Amino acid sequence: MEIHDERIGDTCVVTAKGRLDSGASAAFAEKVGGLIASPSPKLLIDFAGVDFVTSAGLRAVLVLVKKVKAAGGSFALCSVQEPVREVLDITGLTAMFSIHSARAEAIAALAG
């Protein structure tokens, strides 16, 4: 899995590409977790390049969400592909995340 990060304003944007499975989830959680060490972090994960997610990948995302919320921050996902969206829907996690169709829309929501 490839993971790239950038700052857009005060939002940390992480772009993931590949499969978020048991082999990649620990490295994903560690890398992204290190990016949100500030108080009140704003984290956006762009899933445009993620076409597959397992329970280990979902657990990694949930750990990040809990970390962000515990620090008083906000979290969003954007550009979630249909197979991943189906997994989120089936597991009931869709309601836990702020999911946006496009990056710009998600950044605006986090800023407001």
C-alpha atoms as a PDB file:
ATOM      1  CA  MET A   1       0.000   0.000   0.000  1.00  0.00           C
ATOM      2  CA  GLU A   2       1.215   3.479  -0.854  1.00  0.00           C
ATOM      3  CA  ILE A   3       0.539   6.275   1.613  1.00  0.00           C
ATOM      4  CA  HIS A   4       1.164   9.940   0.854  1.00  0.00           C
ATOM      5  CA  ASP A   5       0.414  12.871   3.109  1.00  0.00           C
ATOM      6  CA  GLU A   6       0.167  16.605   2.631  1.00  0.00           C
ATOM      7  CA  ARG A   7      -1.123  19.616   4.513  1.00  0.00           C
ATOM      8  CA  ILE A   8      -3.910  21.652   2.990  1.00  0.00           C
ATOM      9  CA  GLY A   9      -4.484  24.552   5.335  1.00  0.00           C
ATOM     10  CA  ASP A  10      -4.786  23.012   8.784  1.00  0.00           C
ATOM     11  CA  THR A  11      -5.987  19.661   7.440  1.00  0.00           C
ATOM     12  CA  CYS A  12      -3.730  16.638   7.117  1.00  0.00           C
ATOM     13  CA  VAL A  13      -4.720  14.869   3.895  1.00  0.00           C
ATOM     14  CA  VAL A  14      -3.644  11.252   3.534  1.00  0.00           C
ATOM     15  CA  THR A  15      -3.924   9.611   0.134  1.00  0.00           C
ATOM     16  CA  ALA A  16      -3.905   5.831   0.241  1.00  0.00           C
ATOM     17  CA  LYS A  17      -3.473   3.537  -2.745  1.00  0.00           C
ATOM     18  CA  GLY A  18      -3.761  -0.224  -2.827  1.00  0.00           C
ATOM     19  CA  ARG A  19      -5.298  -2.770  -0.511  1.00  0.00           C
ATOM     20  CA  LEU A  20      -5.933  -1.924   3.122  1.00  0.00           C
ATOM     21  CA  ASP A  21      -5.628  -5.469   4.412  1.00  0.00           C
ATOM     22  CA  SER A  22      -3.948  -7.257   7.305  1.00  0.00           C
ATOM     23  CA  GLY A  23      -0.544  -6.839   5.682  1.00  0.00           C
ATOM     24  CA  ALA A  24      -0.878  -3.068   5.293  1.00  0.00           C
ATOM     25  CA  SER A  25      -3.116  -2.028   8.186  1.00  0.00           C
ATOM     26  CA  ALA A  26      -0.465  -1.811  10.917  1.00  0.00           C
ATOM     27  CA  ALA A  27       1.868   0.340   8.792  1.00  0.00           C
ATOM     28  CA  PHE A  28      -1.097   2.485   7.714  1.00  0.00           C
ATOM     29  CA  ALA A  29      -2.236   3.067  11.311  1.00  0.00           C
ATOM     30  CA  GLU A  30       1.317   3.810  12.471  1.00  0.00           C
ATOM     31  CA  LYS A  31       2.122   6.275   9.687  1.00  0.00           C
ATOM     32  CA  VAL A  32      -1.195   8.132   9.845  1.00  0.00           C
ATOM     33  CA  GLY A  33      -1.272   8.023  13.648  1.00  0.00           C
ATOM     34  CA  GLY A  34       2.051   9.858  13.683  1.00  0.00           C
ATOM     35  CA  LEU A  35       0.584  12.629  11.552  1.00  0.00           C
ATOM     36  CA  ILE A  36      -2.198  13.479  13.983  1.00  0.00           C
ATOM     37  CA  ALA A  37      -0.218  14.106  17.151  1.00  0.00           C
ATOM     38  CA  SER A  38      -1.247  17.768  17.373  1.00  0.00           C
ATOM     39  CA  PRO A  39      -4.182  19.014  19.466  1.00  0.00           C
ATOM     40  CA  SER A  40      -7.497  19.201  17.581  1.00  0.00           C
ATOM     41  CA  PRO A  41      -6.189  17.481  14.448  1.00  0.00           C
ATOM     42  CA  LYS A  42      -8.142  17.558  11.203  1.00  0.00           C
ATOM     43  CA  LEU A  43      -7.634  14.369   9.223  1.00  0.00           C
ATOM     44  CA  LEU A  44      -8.929  13.555   5.762  1.00  0.00           C
ATOM     45  CA  ILE A  45      -8.251  10.155   4.251  1.00  0.00           C
ATOM     46  CA  ASP A  46      -8.674  10.055   0.482  1.00  0.00           C
ATOM     47  CA  PHE A  47      -9.673   6.505  -0.461  1.00  0.00           C
ATOM     48  CA  ALA A  48      -9.814   7.060  -4.246  1.00  0.00           C
ATOM     49  CA  GLY A  49      -6.972   4.563  -4.698  1.00  0.00           C
ATOM     50  CA  VAL A  50      -8.215   1.963  -2.205  1.00  0.00           C
ATOM     51  CA  ASP A  51     -10.201  -0.782  -3.887  1.00  0.00           C
ATOM     52  CA  PHE A  52     -10.197  -3.383  -1.113  1.00  0.00           C
ATOM     53  CA  VAL A  53     -10.427  -3.272   2.684  1.00  0.00           C
ATOM     54  CA  THR A  54     -10.498  -6.077   5.248  1.00  0.00           C
ATOM     55  CA  SER A  55     -11.574  -6.124   8.876  1.00  0.00           C
ATOM     56  CA  ALA A  56      -7.964  -5.345   9.858  1.00  0.00           C
ATOM     57  CA  GLY A  57      -8.058  -2.282   7.601  1.00  0.00           C
ATOM     58  CA  LEU A  58     -11.371  -1.154   9.097  1.00  0.00           C
ATOM     59  CA  ARG A  59      -9.939  -1.602  12.579  1.00  0.00           C
ATOM     60  CA  ALA A  60      -6.960   0.606  11.632  1.00  0.00           C
ATOM     61  CA  VAL A  61      -9.311   3.352  10.413  1.00  0.00           C
ATOM     62  CA  LEU A  62     -11.426   3.071  13.574  1.00  0.00           C
ATOM     63  CA  VAL A  63      -8.329   3.412  15.778  1.00  0.00           C
ATOM     64  CA  LEU A  64      -7.416   6.601  13.894  1.00  0.00           C
ATOM     65  CA  VAL A  65     -10.931   8.002  14.229  1.00  0.00           C
ATOM     66  CA  LYS A  66     -10.888   7.378  17.982  1.00  0.00           C
ATOM     67  CA  LYS A  67      -7.460   9.031  18.273  1.00  0.00           C
ATOM     68  CA  VAL A  68      -8.608  12.109  16.352  1.00  0.00           C
ATOM     69  CA  LYS A  69     -11.837  12.448  18.332  1.00  0.00           C
ATOM     70  CA  ALA A  70     -10.048  11.922  21.668  1.00  0.00           C
ATOM     71  CA  ALA A  71      -7.751  14.832  20.739  1.00  0.00           C
ATOM     72  CA  GLY A  72     -10.774  17.028  19.986  1.00  0.00           C
ATOM     73  CA  GLY A  73     -10.259  16.862  16.235  1.00  0.00           C
ATOM     74  CA  SER A  74     -12.330  15.982  13.204  1.00  0.00           C
ATOM     75  CA  PHE A  75     -12.116  13.180  10.654  1.00  0.00           C
ATOM     76  CA  ALA A  76     -13.480  12.549   7.178  1.00  0.00           C
ATOM     77  CA  LEU A  77     -13.161  10.128   4.297  1.00  0.00           C
ATOM     78  CA  CYS A  78     -13.492  11.055   0.644  1.00  0.00           C
ATOM     79  CA  SER A  79     -13.640   9.386  -2.747  1.00  0.00           C
ATOM     80  CA  VAL A  80     -14.584   6.000  -1.301  1.00  0.00           C
ATOM     81  CA  GLN A  81     -14.850   3.427  -4.089  1.00  0.00           C
ATOM     82  CA  GLU A  82     -18.027   1.351  -4.309  1.00  0.00           C
ATOM     83  CA  PRO A  83     -16.537  -1.977  -3.058  1.00  0.00           C
ATOM     84  CA  VAL A  84     -15.153  -0.244   0.041  1.00  0.00           C
ATOM     85  CA  ARG A  85     -18.390   1.688   0.552  1.00  0.00           C
ATOM     86  CA  GLU A  86     -20.299  -1.604   0.479  1.00  0.00           C
ATOM     87  CA  VAL A  87     -18.072  -2.979   3.254  1.00  0.00           C
ATOM     88  CA  LEU A  88     -18.649   0.175   5.320  1.00  0.00           C
ATOM     89  CA  ASP A  89     -22.405  -0.117   4.741  1.00  0.00           C
ATOM     90  CA  ILE A  90     -22.554  -3.824   5.609  1.00  0.00           C
ATOM     91  CA  THR A  91     -20.556  -3.374   8.798  1.00  0.00           C
ATOM     92  CA  GLY A  92     -22.636  -0.377   9.873  1.00  0.00           C
ATOM     93  CA  LEU A  93     -19.588   1.898   9.944  1.00  0.00           C
ATOM     94  CA  THR A  94     -20.876   4.343   7.325  1.00  0.00           C
ATOM     95  CA  ALA A  95     -22.767   6.252  10.005  1.00  0.00           C
ATOM     96  CA  MET A  96     -19.588   6.668  12.091  1.00  0.00           C
ATOM     97  CA  PHE A  97     -17.698   8.505   9.361  1.00  0.00           C
ATOM     98  CA  SER A  98     -18.150  11.794   7.584  1.00  0.00           C
ATOM     99  CA  ILE A  99     -17.920  10.568   3.982  1.00  0.00           C
ATOM    100  CA  HIS A 100     -17.670  12.973   1.042  1.00  0.00           C
ATOM    101  CA  SER A 101     -17.630  12.296  -2.678  1.00  0.00           C
ATOM    102  CA  ALA A 102     -14.741  14.654  -3.443  1.00  0.00           C
ATOM    103  CA  ARG A 103     -11.617  15.941  -1.695  1.00  0.00           C
ATOM    104  CA  ALA A 104     -12.518  19.633  -1.965  1.00  0.00           C
ATOM    105  CA  GLU A 105     -15.939  19.005  -0.430  1.00  0.00           C
ATOM    106  CA  ALA A 106     -14.369  17.101   2.488  1.00  0.00           C
ATOM    107  CA  ILE A 107     -11.737  19.785   3.144  1.00  0.00           C
ATOM    108  CA  ALA A 108     -14.459  22.433   3.174  1.00  0.00           C
ATOM    109  CA  ALA A 109     -16.504  20.379   5.643  1.00  0.00           C
ATOM    110  CA  LEU A 110     -13.508  19.933   7.957  1.00  0.00           C
ATOM    111  CA  ALA A 111     -12.717  23.643   7.781  1.00  0.00           C
ATOM    112  CA  GLY A 112     -16.245  24.664   8.701  1.00  0.00           C
END
